[in-house]
Amino acid sequence: MKIKNSLKALLKRDRNNRLVRRKGRVFIINKKAPRYKARQG
């Protein structure tokens, strides 16, 4: 999982990426290609 300050650029890398908020953190999850997982922080 990548940890980045800004997820906007990472979100565009794959069209299956979804932006999700969990417990105050912002995540990108991708069920079809889990290598695109990322967390903001």
C-alpha atoms as a PDB file:
ATOM      1  CA  MET A   1       0.000   0.000   0.000  1.00  0.00           C
ATOM      2  CA  LYS A   2       1.321   3.409  -0.952  1.00  0.00           C
ATOM      3  CA  ILE A   3       1.056   6.255   1.562  1.00  0.00           C
ATOM      4  CA  LYS A   4       0.821   9.678  -0.081  1.00  0.00           C
ATOM      5  CA  ASN A   5      -0.044  13.233   0.901  1.00  0.00           C
ATOM      6  CA  SER A   6      -2.370  13.635  -2.061  1.00  0.00           C
ATOM      7  CA  LEU A   7      -4.332  10.856  -3.736  1.00  0.00           C
ATOM      8  CA  LYS A   8      -5.714  12.798  -6.686  1.00  0.00           C
ATOM      9  CA  ALA A   9      -3.026  11.647  -9.143  1.00  0.00           C
ATOM     10  CA  LEU A  10      -3.155   8.048  -7.894  1.00  0.00           C
ATOM     11  CA  LEU A  11      -6.911   7.936  -8.319  1.00  0.00           C
ATOM     12  CA  LYS A  12      -6.597   8.428 -12.074  1.00  0.00           C
ATOM     13  CA  ARG A  13      -4.194   5.520 -12.579  1.00  0.00           C
ATOM     14  CA  ASP A  14      -6.985   2.971 -12.994  1.00  0.00           C
ATOM     15  CA  ARG A  15     -10.682   3.355 -13.681  1.00  0.00           C
ATOM     16  CA  ASN A  16     -11.645   0.809 -11.012  1.00  0.00           C
ATOM     17  CA  ASN A  17     -10.117   2.907  -8.232  1.00  0.00           C
ATOM     18  CA  ARG A  18     -12.579   4.046  -5.584  1.00  0.00           C
ATOM     19  CA  LEU A  19     -12.037   6.744  -2.976  1.00  0.00           C
ATOM     20  CA  VAL A  20     -13.179   5.576   0.471  1.00  0.00           C
ATOM     21  CA  ARG A  21     -13.124   7.254   3.895  1.00  0.00           C
ATOM     22  CA  ARG A  22     -12.576   4.951   6.869  1.00  0.00           C
ATOM     23  CA  LYS A  23     -11.951   6.067  10.454  1.00  0.00           C
ATOM     24  CA  GLY A  24     -10.897   9.548   9.346  1.00  0.00           C
ATOM     25  CA  ARG A  25      -8.416   8.297   6.753  1.00  0.00           C
ATOM     26  CA  VAL A  26      -8.794   8.455   3.001  1.00  0.00           C
ATOM     27  CA  PHE A  27      -8.103   5.289   1.014  1.00  0.00           C
ATOM     28  CA  ILE A  28      -8.061   4.208  -2.610  1.00  0.00           C
ATOM     29  CA  ILE A  29      -9.260   0.656  -3.036  1.00  0.00           C
ATOM     30  CA  ASN A  30      -9.370  -1.384  -6.204  1.00  0.00           C
ATOM     31  CA  LYS A  31     -10.896  -4.851  -6.095  1.00  0.00           C
ATOM     32  CA  LYS A  32      -9.721  -5.822  -9.585  1.00  0.00           C
ATOM     33  CA  ALA A  33      -6.127  -4.611  -9.204  1.00  0.00           C
ATOM     34  CA  PRO A  34      -5.184  -4.461  -5.510  1.00  0.00           C
ATOM     35  CA  ARG A  35      -1.747  -3.087  -6.369  1.00  0.00           C
ATOM     36  CA  TYR A  36      -3.328   0.359  -6.620  1.00  0.00           C
ATOM     37  CA  LYS A  37      -4.246   0.451  -2.933  1.00  0.00           C
ATOM     38  CA  ALA A  38      -3.210   3.694  -1.267  1.00  0.00           C
ATOM     39  CA  ARG A  39      -3.723   5.673   1.905  1.00  0.00           C
ATOM     40  CA  GLN A  40      -3.484   9.394   2.523  1.00  0.00           C
ATOM     41  CA  GLY A  41      -1.334  10.457   5.446  1.00  0.00           C
END
